[in-house]
Amino acid sequence: MAGVMDSVNQRTQLVGQNRLELLLFRLNGSQLYGINVFKVREVLQCPNLTVMPKSSPVVRGVANIRGATIPILDLALATGARSLQQDIKNTFVIITEYNTKIQGFLVHSVERIVNMNWEEIHPPPKGTGRDHYLTAVTRVDNQLVEIIDVEKILAEVAPTSESISHGVVDQETQSKAVSLRVLTVDDSSVARKQVTRCLQTVGVEVVALNDGRQALDYLRKLVDEGKRPEEEFLMMISDIEMPEMDGYTLTAEIRSDPRMKDLHITLHTSLSGVFNQAMVKKVGADDFLAKFRPDDLAQRVVDRIKAAG
């Protein structure tokens, strides 16, 4: 694996051009899976693991990596497949950062990094059902690549509180919220539900869409009907990583259209780091928020309600 991650830090120019790079890997068998390189900190051969009593069966143990104790999840077991072999010395760990938390995913082998366009990344085929762990699919060298809904896995292994703390939303704000709508865009079914429940607690009505392309088509239809998105919606809260069209490109498209450029946009993502702050300014978004912090998300909506009078 030497060198597979060496150039990750030079790849940021891809973002904002509706492009991404996928790190390809395998679990059991020949099926290829992919993970966005921007979620990956490093790839290493599986280190010694310490088993944690009473932890989820998906957590194979914890490892001390560069002075930090990191949980290592069996990605095959987490997605309902058979566990990777008991002798895991020959397996690999992909160290990732999601929602400001660090964890490792145990995989059988890591292949290579491929440069993709988000337009080549598609939602899971219809008929897949509700219980699958896919957030998207694509093809590389004529082979199907499945992109796992990591947020769903993490929500099952280590559920986070979705409740809003007392005092974040007052009665006056809730009474105003009832007449307002918020547009949310996210390809993860778990993330959509989390955001929807949070916003409904604030009191607003939620319109939830699955990806950037769908959202842009929806907004264009509104303006073609003579409606103004900034009057229809208090704000749009969009994920960044989405099939068909990412949140950066969605934002740039909205800002380039005089008919909808005034819509307030908050980018809400599990991607971490100051890089996102720079991209927010580059594409013209109003705000950036790391997933998933119910109080912070609710506060953003409360602030918008108060600013709207």
C-alpha atoms as a PDB file:
ATOM      1  CA  MET A   1       0.000   0.000   0.000  1.00  0.00           C
ATOM      2  CA  ALA A   2       3.012   2.291   0.050  1.00  0.00           C
ATOM      3  CA  GLY A   3       2.202   5.415  -1.879  1.00  0.00           C
ATOM      4  CA  VAL A   4      -1.509   4.792  -2.461  1.00  0.00           C
ATOM      5  CA  MET A   5      -2.410   7.792  -0.312  1.00  0.00           C
ATOM      6  CA  ASP A   6       0.684   9.885  -0.982  1.00  0.00           C
ATOM      7  CA  SER A   7      -0.969  12.385  -3.288  1.00  0.00           C
ATOM      8  CA  VAL A   8      -4.327  12.770  -1.551  1.00  0.00           C
ATOM      9  CA  ASN A   9      -3.484  16.251  -0.298  1.00  0.00           C
ATOM     10  CA  GLN A  10      -2.865  17.473  -3.843  1.00  0.00           C
ATOM     11  CA  ARG A  11      -6.290  16.414  -5.057  1.00  0.00           C
ATOM     12  CA  THR A  12      -8.448  19.157  -3.609  1.00  0.00           C
ATOM     13  CA  GLN A  13      -8.717  20.894  -6.973  1.00  0.00           C
ATOM     14  CA  LEU A  14     -11.157  18.181  -8.048  1.00  0.00           C
ATOM     15  CA  VAL A  15     -13.780  19.408  -5.608  1.00  0.00           C
ATOM     16  CA  GLY A  16     -15.985  22.134  -7.008  1.00  0.00           C
ATOM     17  CA  GLN A  17     -15.763  20.634 -10.499  1.00  0.00           C
ATOM     18  CA  ASN A  18     -18.324  17.920  -9.727  1.00  0.00           C
ATOM     19  CA  ARG A  19     -15.458  15.433  -9.505  1.00  0.00           C
ATOM     20  CA  LEU A  20     -14.221  13.066  -6.846  1.00  0.00           C
ATOM     21  CA  GLU A  21     -11.735  10.281  -6.386  1.00  0.00           C
ATOM     22  CA  LEU A  22     -12.705   6.895  -5.050  1.00  0.00           C
ATOM     23  CA  LEU A  23     -10.468   4.522  -3.160  1.00  0.00           C
ATOM     24  CA  LEU A  24     -11.479   1.051  -4.363  1.00  0.00           C
ATOM     25  CA  PHE A  25     -11.417  -1.947  -2.027  1.00  0.00           C
ATOM     26  CA  ARG A  26     -12.829  -5.446  -1.584  1.00  0.00           C
ATOM     27  CA  LEU A  27     -14.477  -7.210   1.336  1.00  0.00           C
ATOM     28  CA  ASN A  28     -15.419 -10.859   0.760  1.00  0.00           C
ATOM     29  CA  GLY A  29     -15.185 -12.032  -2.813  1.00  0.00           C
ATOM     30  CA  SER A  30     -14.670 -10.058  -6.014  1.00  0.00           C
ATOM     31  CA  GLN A  31     -17.199  -7.236  -5.516  1.00  0.00           C
ATOM     32  CA  LEU A  32     -15.575  -3.788  -5.658  1.00  0.00           C
ATOM     33  CA  TYR A  33     -16.508  -1.047  -3.200  1.00  0.00           C
ATOM     34  CA  GLY A  34     -15.562   2.608  -3.139  1.00  0.00           C
ATOM     35  CA  ILE A  35     -15.028   5.364  -0.603  1.00  0.00           C
ATOM     36  CA  ASN A  36     -14.397   9.053  -1.261  1.00  0.00           C
ATOM     37  CA  VAL A  37     -10.697   9.797  -0.861  1.00  0.00           C
ATOM     38  CA  PHE A  38     -11.535  12.949   1.097  1.00  0.00           C
ATOM     39  CA  LYS A  39     -12.897  10.760   3.902  1.00  0.00           C
ATOM     40  CA  VAL A  40      -9.662   8.754   4.082  1.00  0.00           C
ATOM     41  CA  ARG A  41      -6.769   9.653   6.361  1.00  0.00           C
ATOM     42  CA  GLU A  42      -4.556   6.664   5.625  1.00  0.00           C
ATOM     43  CA  VAL A  43      -4.510   2.997   4.659  1.00  0.00           C
ATOM     44  CA  LEU A  44      -2.430   0.471   6.580  1.00  0.00           C
ATOM     45  CA  GLN A  45      -2.098  -3.216   7.191  1.00  0.00           C
ATOM     46  CA  CYS A  46      -4.307  -4.256  10.071  1.00  0.00           C
ATOM     47  CA  PRO A  47      -2.475  -3.462  13.333  1.00  0.00           C
ATOM     48  CA  ASN A  48      -2.816  -5.388  16.587  1.00  0.00           C
ATOM     49  CA  LEU A  49      -6.341  -5.042  17.910  1.00  0.00           C
ATOM     50  CA  THR A  50      -7.517  -4.999  21.500  1.00  0.00           C
ATOM     51  CA  VAL A  51     -10.977  -6.499  21.932  1.00  0.00           C
ATOM     52  CA  MET A  52     -13.405  -4.276  23.827  1.00  0.00           C
ATOM     53  CA  PRO A  53     -15.866  -6.118  26.104  1.00  0.00           C
ATOM     54  CA  LYS A  54     -19.573  -5.463  25.445  1.00  0.00           C
ATOM     55  CA  SER A  55     -18.877  -3.593  22.216  1.00  0.00           C
ATOM     56  CA  SER A  56     -20.883  -4.181  19.048  1.00  0.00           C
ATOM     57  CA  PRO A  57     -19.933  -7.383  17.154  1.00  0.00           C
ATOM     58  CA  VAL A  58     -19.133  -5.111  14.218  1.00  0.00           C
ATOM     59  CA  VAL A  59     -16.283  -3.541  16.222  1.00  0.00           C
ATOM     60  CA  ARG A  60     -13.429  -6.040  15.937  1.00  0.00           C
ATOM     61  CA  GLY A  61     -11.380  -4.091  18.478  1.00  0.00           C
ATOM     62  CA  VAL A  62      -9.481  -0.868  18.968  1.00  0.00           C
ATOM     63  CA  ALA A  63      -6.018   0.015  17.706  1.00  0.00           C
ATOM     64  CA  ASN A  64      -3.475   2.537  18.883  1.00  0.00           C
ATOM     65  CA  ILE A  65      -2.534   4.498  15.778  1.00  0.00           C
ATOM     66  CA  ARG A  66      -0.266   7.539  15.999  1.00  0.00           C
ATOM     67  CA  GLY A  67      -1.106   8.009  19.652  1.00  0.00           C
ATOM     68  CA  ALA A  68      -4.891   7.774  19.212  1.00  0.00           C
ATOM     69  CA  THR A  69      -7.189   4.889  20.176  1.00  0.00           C
ATOM     70  CA  ILE A  70      -9.347   4.145  17.135  1.00  0.00           C
ATOM     71  CA  PRO A  71     -12.247   1.669  16.838  1.00  0.00           C
ATOM     72  CA  ILE A  72     -11.881  -0.777  13.950  1.00  0.00           C
ATOM     73  CA  LEU A  73     -15.147  -1.868  12.303  1.00  0.00           C
ATOM     74  CA  ASP A  74     -15.588  -5.019  10.228  1.00  0.00           C
ATOM     75  CA  LEU A  75     -17.173  -3.446   7.155  1.00  0.00           C
ATOM     76  CA  ALA A  76     -18.344  -6.780   5.746  1.00  0.00           C
ATOM     77  CA  LEU A  77     -20.179  -7.713   8.949  1.00  0.00           C
ATOM     78  CA  ALA A  78     -21.615  -4.208   9.237  1.00  0.00           C
ATOM     79  CA  THR A  79     -23.306  -4.550   5.847  1.00  0.00           C
ATOM     80  CA  GLY A  80     -24.863  -7.933   6.612  1.00  0.00           C
ATOM     81  CA  ALA A  81     -22.248 -10.124   4.932  1.00  0.00           C
ATOM     82  CA  ARG A  82     -20.110 -12.752   6.617  1.00  0.00           C
ATOM     83  CA  SER A  83     -17.321 -11.423   8.785  1.00  0.00           C
ATOM     84  CA  LEU A  84     -13.817 -11.147   7.408  1.00  0.00           C
ATOM     85  CA  GLN A  85     -11.594 -14.059   8.379  1.00  0.00           C
ATOM     86  CA  GLN A  86     -10.616 -14.473  12.000  1.00  0.00           C
ATOM     87  CA  ASP A  87      -6.945 -14.193  11.098  1.00  0.00           C
ATOM     88  CA  ILE A  88      -6.930 -10.543  10.127  1.00  0.00           C
ATOM     89  CA  LYS A  89      -3.183 -10.004   9.955  1.00  0.00           C
ATOM     90  CA  ASN A  90      -3.306 -10.009   6.164  1.00  0.00           C
ATOM     91  CA  THR A  91      -6.219  -7.582   5.931  1.00  0.00           C
ATOM     92  CA  PHE A  92      -6.136  -3.784   5.701  1.00  0.00           C
ATOM     93  CA  VAL A  93      -7.638  -0.910   7.635  1.00  0.00           C
ATOM     94  CA  ILE A  94      -8.903   2.283   6.002  1.00  0.00           C
ATOM     95  CA  ILE A  95      -8.692   5.078   8.580  1.00  0.00           C
ATOM     96  CA  THR A  96     -11.509   7.550   7.921  1.00  0.00           C
ATOM     97  CA  GLU A  97     -13.023  10.699   9.339  1.00  0.00           C
ATOM     98  CA  TYR A  98     -16.797  11.058   9.345  1.00  0.00           C
ATOM     99  CA  ASN A  99     -18.746  13.704  11.243  1.00  0.00           C
ATOM    100  CA  THR A 100     -15.529  14.802  13.005  1.00  0.00           C
ATOM    101  CA  LYS A 101     -14.995  11.253  14.376  1.00  0.00           C
ATOM    102  CA  ILE A 102     -12.124   8.935  13.464  1.00  0.00           C
ATOM    103  CA  GLN A 103     -12.666   5.210  12.852  1.00  0.00           C
ATOM    104  CA  GLY A 104     -11.072   2.422  10.870  1.00  0.00           C
ATOM    105  CA  PHE A 105     -12.810   0.063   8.444  1.00  0.00           C
ATOM    106  CA  LEU A 106     -11.435  -3.454   8.176  1.00  0.00           C
ATOM    107  CA  VAL A 107     -11.349  -4.620   4.529  1.00  0.00           C
ATOM    108  CA  HIS A 108      -9.845  -7.604   2.751  1.00  0.00           C
ATOM    109  CA  SER A 109      -7.789  -5.676   0.210  1.00  0.00           C
ATOM    110  CA  VAL A 110      -7.327  -2.189  -1.199  1.00  0.00           C
ATOM    111  CA  GLU A 111      -7.021  -1.757  -4.966  1.00  0.00           C
ATOM    112  CA  ARG A 112      -6.348   1.761  -6.270  1.00  0.00           C
ATOM    113  CA  ILE A 113      -7.670   5.304  -6.540  1.00  0.00           C
ATOM    114  CA  VAL A 114      -9.825   6.271  -9.539  1.00  0.00           C
ATOM    115  CA  ASN A 115     -10.785   9.742 -10.752  1.00  0.00           C
ATOM    116  CA  MET A 116     -14.554  10.054 -11.330  1.00  0.00           C
ATOM    117  CA  ASN A 117     -17.212  12.596 -12.212  1.00  0.00           C
ATOM    118  CA  TRP A 118     -20.205  12.765  -9.868  1.00  0.00           C
ATOM    119  CA  GLU A 119     -22.396  12.406 -12.967  1.00  0.00           C
ATOM    120  CA  GLU A 120     -21.024   8.868 -13.257  1.00  0.00           C
ATOM    121  CA  ILE A 121     -22.158   8.109  -9.688  1.00  0.00           C
ATOM    122  CA  HIS A 122     -25.788   6.986  -9.563  1.00  0.00           C
ATOM    123  CA  PRO A 123     -28.340   6.237  -6.837  1.00  0.00           C
ATOM    124  CA  PRO A 124     -28.880   2.535  -6.037  1.00  0.00           C
ATOM    125  CA  PRO A 125     -31.136   0.814  -8.570  1.00  0.00           C
ATOM    126  CA  LYS A 126     -34.859   0.906  -7.853  1.00  0.00           C
ATOM    127  CA  GLY A 127     -36.005  -2.354  -6.332  1.00  0.00           C
ATOM    128  CA  THR A 128     -32.948  -2.622  -4.088  1.00  0.00           C
ATOM    129  CA  GLY A 129     -35.255  -2.303  -1.084  1.00  0.00           C
ATOM    130  CA  ARG A 130     -34.978  -0.239   2.073  1.00  0.00           C
ATOM    131  CA  ASP A 131     -32.556  -2.351   4.055  1.00  0.00           C
ATOM    132  CA  HIS A 132     -29.545  -2.100   1.772  1.00  0.00           C
ATOM    133  CA  TYR A 133     -26.336  -0.312   2.773  1.00  0.00           C
ATOM    134  CA  LEU A 134     -25.682   1.432  -0.535  1.00  0.00           C
ATOM    135  CA  THR A 135     -25.727   5.161  -1.052  1.00  0.00           C
ATOM    136  CA  ALA A 136     -24.634   5.020  -4.700  1.00  0.00           C
ATOM    137  CA  VAL A 137     -23.207   2.829  -7.459  1.00  0.00           C
ATOM    138  CA  THR A 138     -20.903   3.378 -10.419  1.00  0.00           C
ATOM    139  CA  ARG A 139     -18.853   1.402 -12.930  1.00  0.00           C
ATOM    140  CA  VAL A 140     -15.070   1.217 -13.251  1.00  0.00           C
ATOM    141  CA  ASP A 141     -13.533  -0.763 -16.112  1.00  0.00           C
ATOM    142  CA  ASN A 142     -16.995  -2.164 -16.785  1.00  0.00           C
ATOM    143  CA  GLN A 143     -17.245  -3.526 -13.234  1.00  0.00           C
ATOM    144  CA  LEU A 144     -19.926  -2.450 -10.774  1.00  0.00           C
ATOM    145  CA  VAL A 145     -18.625  -0.470  -7.786  1.00  0.00           C
ATOM    146  CA  GLU A 146     -20.851  -0.133  -4.738  1.00  0.00           C
ATOM    147  CA  ILE A 147     -20.524   2.920  -2.473  1.00  0.00           C
ATOM    148  CA  ILE A 148     -21.557   2.087   1.077  1.00  0.00           C
ATOM    149  CA  ASP A 149     -23.791   4.320   3.198  1.00  0.00           C
ATOM    150  CA  VAL A 150     -21.259   4.745   5.983  1.00  0.00           C
ATOM    151  CA  GLU A 151     -23.532   7.123   7.890  1.00  0.00           C
ATOM    152  CA  LYS A 152     -26.108   4.353   8.178  1.00  0.00           C
ATOM    153  CA  ILE A 153     -23.479   1.946   9.525  1.00  0.00           C
ATOM    154  CA  LEU A 154     -22.173   4.432  12.086  1.00  0.00           C
ATOM    155  CA  ALA A 155     -25.713   5.284  13.192  1.00  0.00           C
ATOM    156  CA  GLU A 156     -26.353   1.576  13.878  1.00  0.00           C
ATOM    157  CA  VAL A 157     -23.034   0.833  15.579  1.00  0.00           C
ATOM    158  CA  ALA A 158     -22.814   4.019  17.662  1.00  0.00           C
ATOM    159  CA  PRO A 159     -26.141   5.884  17.603  1.00  0.00           C
ATOM    160  CA  THR A 160     -25.951   9.601  18.304  1.00  0.00           C
ATOM    161  CA  SER A 161     -28.616  11.631  20.046  1.00  0.00           C
ATOM    162  CA  GLU A 162     -31.044  13.355  17.692  1.00  0.00           C
ATOM    163  CA  SER A 163     -32.755  15.409  20.396  1.00  0.00           C
ATOM    164  CA  ILE A 164     -32.390  19.179  20.647  1.00  0.00           C
ATOM    165  CA  SER A 165     -31.304  20.585  24.008  1.00  0.00           C
ATOM    166  CA  HIS A 166     -33.772  22.573  26.062  1.00  0.00           C
ATOM    167  CA  GLY A 167     -33.649  26.270  25.297  1.00  0.00           C
ATOM    168  CA  VAL A 168     -32.357  26.088  21.724  1.00  0.00           C
ATOM    169  CA  VAL A 169     -35.850  26.720  20.345  1.00  0.00           C
ATOM    170  CA  ASP A 170     -38.259  29.023  22.192  1.00  0.00           C
ATOM    171  CA  GLN A 171     -42.046  29.095  21.810  1.00  0.00           C
ATOM    172  CA  GLU A 172     -42.077  32.310  19.801  1.00  0.00           C
ATOM    173  CA  THR A 173     -39.666  30.845  17.244  1.00  0.00           C
ATOM    174  CA  GLN A 174     -41.678  27.621  17.018  1.00  0.00           C
ATOM    175  CA  SER A 175     -44.865  29.576  16.383  1.00  0.00           C
ATOM    176  CA  LYS A 176     -43.173  31.399  13.488  1.00  0.00           C
ATOM    177  CA  ALA A 177     -41.625  28.189  12.163  1.00  0.00           C
ATOM    178  CA  VAL A 178     -44.994  26.560  11.464  1.00  0.00           C
ATOM    179  CA  SER A 179     -45.519  28.700   8.364  1.00  0.00           C
ATOM    180  CA  LEU A 180     -42.009  28.118   6.979  1.00  0.00           C
ATOM    181  CA  ARG A 181     -40.419  25.411   4.834  1.00  0.00           C
ATOM    182  CA  VAL A 182     -36.831  24.167   4.575  1.00  0.00           C
ATOM    183  CA  LEU A 183     -35.407  22.262   1.595  1.00  0.00           C
ATOM    184  CA  THR A 184     -32.964  19.492   2.520  1.00  0.00           C
ATOM    185  CA  VAL A 185     -30.801  17.499   0.107  1.00  0.00           C
ATOM    186  CA  ASP A 186     -28.912  14.331   1.079  1.00  0.00           C
ATOM    187  CA  ASP A 187     -28.272  10.981  -0.585  1.00  0.00           C
ATOM    188  CA  SER A 188     -28.094   9.075   2.720  1.00  0.00           C
ATOM    189  CA  SER A 189     -31.522   7.893   3.891  1.00  0.00           C
ATOM    190  CA  VAL A 190     -30.291   7.965   7.492  1.00  0.00           C
ATOM    191  CA  ALA A 191     -28.997  11.529   7.181  1.00  0.00           C
ATOM    192  CA  ARG A 192     -32.266  12.668   5.553  1.00  0.00           C
ATOM    193  CA  LYS A 193     -34.267  11.221   8.428  1.00  0.00           C
ATOM    194  CA  GLN A 194     -31.953  12.735  11.047  1.00  0.00           C
ATOM    195  CA  VAL A 195     -32.166  16.204   9.514  1.00  0.00           C
ATOM    196  CA  THR A 196     -35.926  15.944   8.943  1.00  0.00           C
ATOM    197  CA  ARG A 197     -36.656  14.931  12.543  1.00  0.00           C
ATOM    198  CA  CYS A 198     -34.435  17.719  13.856  1.00  0.00           C
ATOM    199  CA  LEU A 199     -36.091  20.392  11.708  1.00  0.00           C
ATOM    200  CA  GLN A 200     -39.581  19.147  12.492  1.00  0.00           C
ATOM    201  CA  THR A 201     -38.762  19.583  16.174  1.00  0.00           C
ATOM    202  CA  VAL A 202     -37.949  23.230  15.416  1.00  0.00           C
ATOM    203  CA  GLY A 203     -41.378  23.426  13.792  1.00  0.00           C
ATOM    204  CA  VAL A 204     -40.694  23.960  10.085  1.00  0.00           C
ATOM    205  CA  GLU A 205     -42.084  21.894   7.245  1.00  0.00           C
ATOM    206  CA  VAL A 206     -39.390  19.843   5.452  1.00  0.00           C
ATOM    207  CA  VAL A 207     -39.050  18.994   1.771  1.00  0.00           C
ATOM    208  CA  ALA A 208     -36.358  16.296   1.452  1.00  0.00           C
ATOM    209  CA  LEU A 209     -34.648  15.413  -1.827  1.00  0.00           C
ATOM    210  CA  ASN A 210     -32.042  12.754  -2.623  1.00  0.00           C
ATOM    211  CA  ASP A 211     -29.288  14.436  -4.636  1.00  0.00           C
ATOM    212  CA  GLY A 212     -28.061  17.652  -6.193  1.00  0.00           C
ATOM    213  CA  ARG A 213     -29.427  16.959  -9.669  1.00  0.00           C
ATOM    214  CA  GLN A 214     -32.897  16.284  -8.272  1.00  0.00           C
ATOM    215  CA  ALA A 215     -32.724  19.466  -6.184  1.00  0.00           C
ATOM    216  CA  LEU A 216     -31.624  21.626  -9.111  1.00  0.00           C
ATOM    217  CA  ASP A 217     -34.403  20.245 -11.336  1.00  0.00           C
ATOM    218  CA  TYR A 218     -36.911  20.871  -8.536  1.00  0.00           C
ATOM    219  CA  LEU A 219     -35.803  24.496  -8.088  1.00  0.00           C
ATOM    220  CA  ARG A 220     -35.779  25.168 -11.831  1.00  0.00           C
ATOM    221  CA  LYS A 221     -39.327  23.856 -12.058  1.00  0.00           C
ATOM    222  CA  LEU A 222     -40.329  26.276  -9.292  1.00  0.00           C
ATOM    223  CA  VAL A 223     -38.872  29.296 -11.056  1.00  0.00           C
ATOM    224  CA  ASP A 224     -40.359  28.194 -14.392  1.00  0.00           C
ATOM    225  CA  GLU A 225     -43.728  28.367 -12.612  1.00  0.00           C
ATOM    226  CA  GLY A 226     -42.970  31.937 -11.601  1.00  0.00           C
ATOM    227  CA  LYS A 227     -42.104  31.173  -7.972  1.00  0.00           C
ATOM    228  CA  ARG A 228     -39.111  32.519  -6.046  1.00  0.00           C
ATOM    229  CA  PRO A 229     -37.149  29.856  -4.104  1.00  0.00           C
ATOM    230  CA  GLU A 230     -36.119  32.357  -1.400  1.00  0.00           C
ATOM    231  CA  GLU A 231     -39.820  32.987  -0.767  1.00  0.00           C
ATOM    232  CA  GLU A 232     -40.798  29.326  -0.935  1.00  0.00           C
ATOM    233  CA  PHE A 233     -38.041  28.190   1.444  1.00  0.00           C
ATOM    234  CA  LEU A 234     -36.434  29.682   4.514  1.00  0.00           C
ATOM    235  CA  MET A 235     -33.188  27.982   3.451  1.00  0.00           C
ATOM    236  CA  MET A 236     -31.680  24.971   1.727  1.00  0.00           C
ATOM    237  CA  ILE A 237     -29.549  22.540   3.751  1.00  0.00           C
ATOM    238  CA  SER A 238     -27.502  20.368   1.402  1.00  0.00           C
ATOM    239  CA  ASP A 239     -25.036  17.537   1.752  1.00  0.00           C
ATOM    240  CA  ILE A 240     -21.847  17.862  -0.304  1.00  0.00           C
ATOM    241  CA  GLU A 241     -21.162  14.287  -1.459  1.00  0.00           C
ATOM    242  CA  MET A 242     -24.066  13.177  -3.640  1.00  0.00           C
ATOM    243  CA  PRO A 243     -24.492  11.126  -6.822  1.00  0.00           C
ATOM    244  CA  GLU A 244     -25.246  12.907 -10.104  1.00  0.00           C
ATOM    245  CA  MET A 245     -24.286  16.345  -8.704  1.00  0.00           C
ATOM    246  CA  ASP A 246     -22.408  17.296  -5.533  1.00  0.00           C
ATOM    247  CA  GLY A 247     -23.394  20.075  -3.146  1.00  0.00           C
ATOM    248  CA  TYR A 248     -20.642  22.418  -4.328  1.00  0.00           C
ATOM    249  CA  THR A 249     -21.807  22.203  -7.938  1.00  0.00           C
ATOM    250  CA  LEU A 250     -25.469  22.501  -6.887  1.00  0.00           C
ATOM    251  CA  THR A 251     -24.636  25.697  -4.982  1.00  0.00           C
ATOM    252  CA  ALA A 252     -22.659  27.151  -7.892  1.00  0.00           C
ATOM    253  CA  GLU A 253     -25.523  26.388 -10.312  1.00  0.00           C
ATOM    254  CA  ILE A 254     -28.043  28.097  -8.028  1.00  0.00           C
ATOM    255  CA  ARG A 255     -25.842  31.160  -7.588  1.00  0.00           C
ATOM    256  CA  SER A 256     -25.321  31.471 -11.360  1.00  0.00           C
ATOM    257  CA  ASP A 257     -29.088  31.650 -12.004  1.00  0.00           C
ATOM    258  CA  PRO A 258     -30.491  35.143 -11.279  1.00  0.00           C
ATOM    259  CA  ARG A 259     -33.920  33.627 -10.615  1.00  0.00           C
ATOM    260  CA  MET A 260     -32.804  31.653  -7.568  1.00  0.00           C
ATOM    261  CA  LYS A 261     -29.458  33.126  -6.539  1.00  0.00           C
ATOM    262  CA  ASP A 262     -30.933  34.631  -3.328  1.00  0.00           C
ATOM    263  CA  LEU A 263     -31.812  31.274  -1.749  1.00  0.00           C
ATOM    264  CA  HIS A 264     -29.965  30.882   1.583  1.00  0.00           C
ATOM    265  CA  ILE A 265     -27.701  27.796   1.367  1.00  0.00           C
ATOM    266  CA  THR A 266     -26.062  25.888   4.206  1.00  0.00           C
ATOM    267  CA  LEU A 267     -23.760  23.002   3.278  1.00  0.00           C
ATOM    268  CA  HIS A 268     -24.121  20.179   5.798  1.00  0.00           C
ATOM    269  CA  THR A 269     -21.522  17.447   5.470  1.00  0.00           C
ATOM    270  CA  SER A 270     -19.590  14.647   7.128  1.00  0.00           C
ATOM    271  CA  LEU A 271     -16.494  15.914   5.309  1.00  0.00           C
ATOM    272  CA  SER A 272     -14.271  17.606   7.859  1.00  0.00           C
ATOM    273  CA  GLY A 273     -11.508  20.187   7.724  1.00  0.00           C
ATOM    274  CA  VAL A 274     -10.884  23.862   7.012  1.00  0.00           C
ATOM    275  CA  PHE A 275     -10.792  23.071   3.294  1.00  0.00           C
ATOM    276  CA  ASN A 276     -14.578  23.111   3.283  1.00  0.00           C
ATOM    277  CA  GLN A 277     -14.655  26.642   4.659  1.00  0.00           C
ATOM    278  CA  ALA A 278     -12.676  27.807   1.629  1.00  0.00           C
ATOM    279  CA  MET A 279     -14.960  25.912  -0.746  1.00  0.00           C
ATOM    280  CA  VAL A 280     -18.054  27.463   0.860  1.00  0.00           C
ATOM    281  CA  LYS A 281     -16.767  30.906  -0.102  1.00  0.00           C
ATOM    282  CA  LYS A 282     -15.652  29.765  -3.539  1.00  0.00           C
ATOM    283  CA  VAL A 283     -19.061  28.408  -4.596  1.00  0.00           C
ATOM    284  CA  GLY A 284     -21.077  31.091  -2.787  1.00  0.00           C
ATOM    285  CA  ALA A 285     -22.769  29.139   0.013  1.00  0.00           C
ATOM    286  CA  ASP A 286     -23.886  31.127   3.064  1.00  0.00           C
ATOM    287  CA  ASP A 287     -22.769  28.684   5.726  1.00  0.00           C
ATOM    288  CA  PHE A 288     -21.082  25.354   6.463  1.00  0.00           C
ATOM    289  CA  LEU A 289     -22.005  22.878   9.182  1.00  0.00           C
ATOM    290  CA  ALA A 290     -20.442  19.546  10.148  1.00  0.00           C
ATOM    291  CA  LYS A 291     -22.779  16.566  10.610  1.00  0.00           C
ATOM    292  CA  PHE A 292     -24.579  15.588  12.761  1.00  0.00           C
ATOM    293  CA  ARG A 293     -25.053  18.002  15.645  1.00  0.00           C
ATOM    294  CA  PRO A 294     -28.759  18.553  16.340  1.00  0.00           C
ATOM    295  CA  ASP A 295     -28.261  21.661  18.476  1.00  0.00           C
ATOM    296  CA  ASP A 296     -26.029  23.332  15.877  1.00  0.00           C
ATOM    297  CA  LEU A 297     -28.389  22.454  13.032  1.00  0.00           C
ATOM    298  CA  ALA A 298     -31.424  23.663  14.960  1.00  0.00           C
ATOM    299  CA  GLN A 299     -29.627  26.877  15.907  1.00  0.00           C
ATOM    300  CA  ARG A 300     -28.873  27.623  12.232  1.00  0.00           C
ATOM    301  CA  VAL A 301     -32.578  27.328  11.444  1.00  0.00           C
ATOM    302  CA  VAL A 302     -33.566  29.409  14.482  1.00  0.00           C
ATOM    303  CA  ASP A 303     -31.121  32.123  13.397  1.00  0.00           C
ATOM    304  CA  ARG A 304     -32.639  32.154   9.921  1.00  0.00           C
ATOM    305  CA  ILE A 305     -36.173  32.412  11.324  1.00  0.00           C
ATOM    306  CA  LYS A 306     -35.157  35.383  13.453  1.00  0.00           C
ATOM    307  CA  ALA A 307     -33.286  37.023  10.577  1.00  0.00           C
ATOM    308  CA  ALA A 308     -36.360  36.614   8.360  1.00  0.00           C
ATOM    309  CA  GLY A 309     -38.452  38.431  10.951  1.00  0.00           C
END
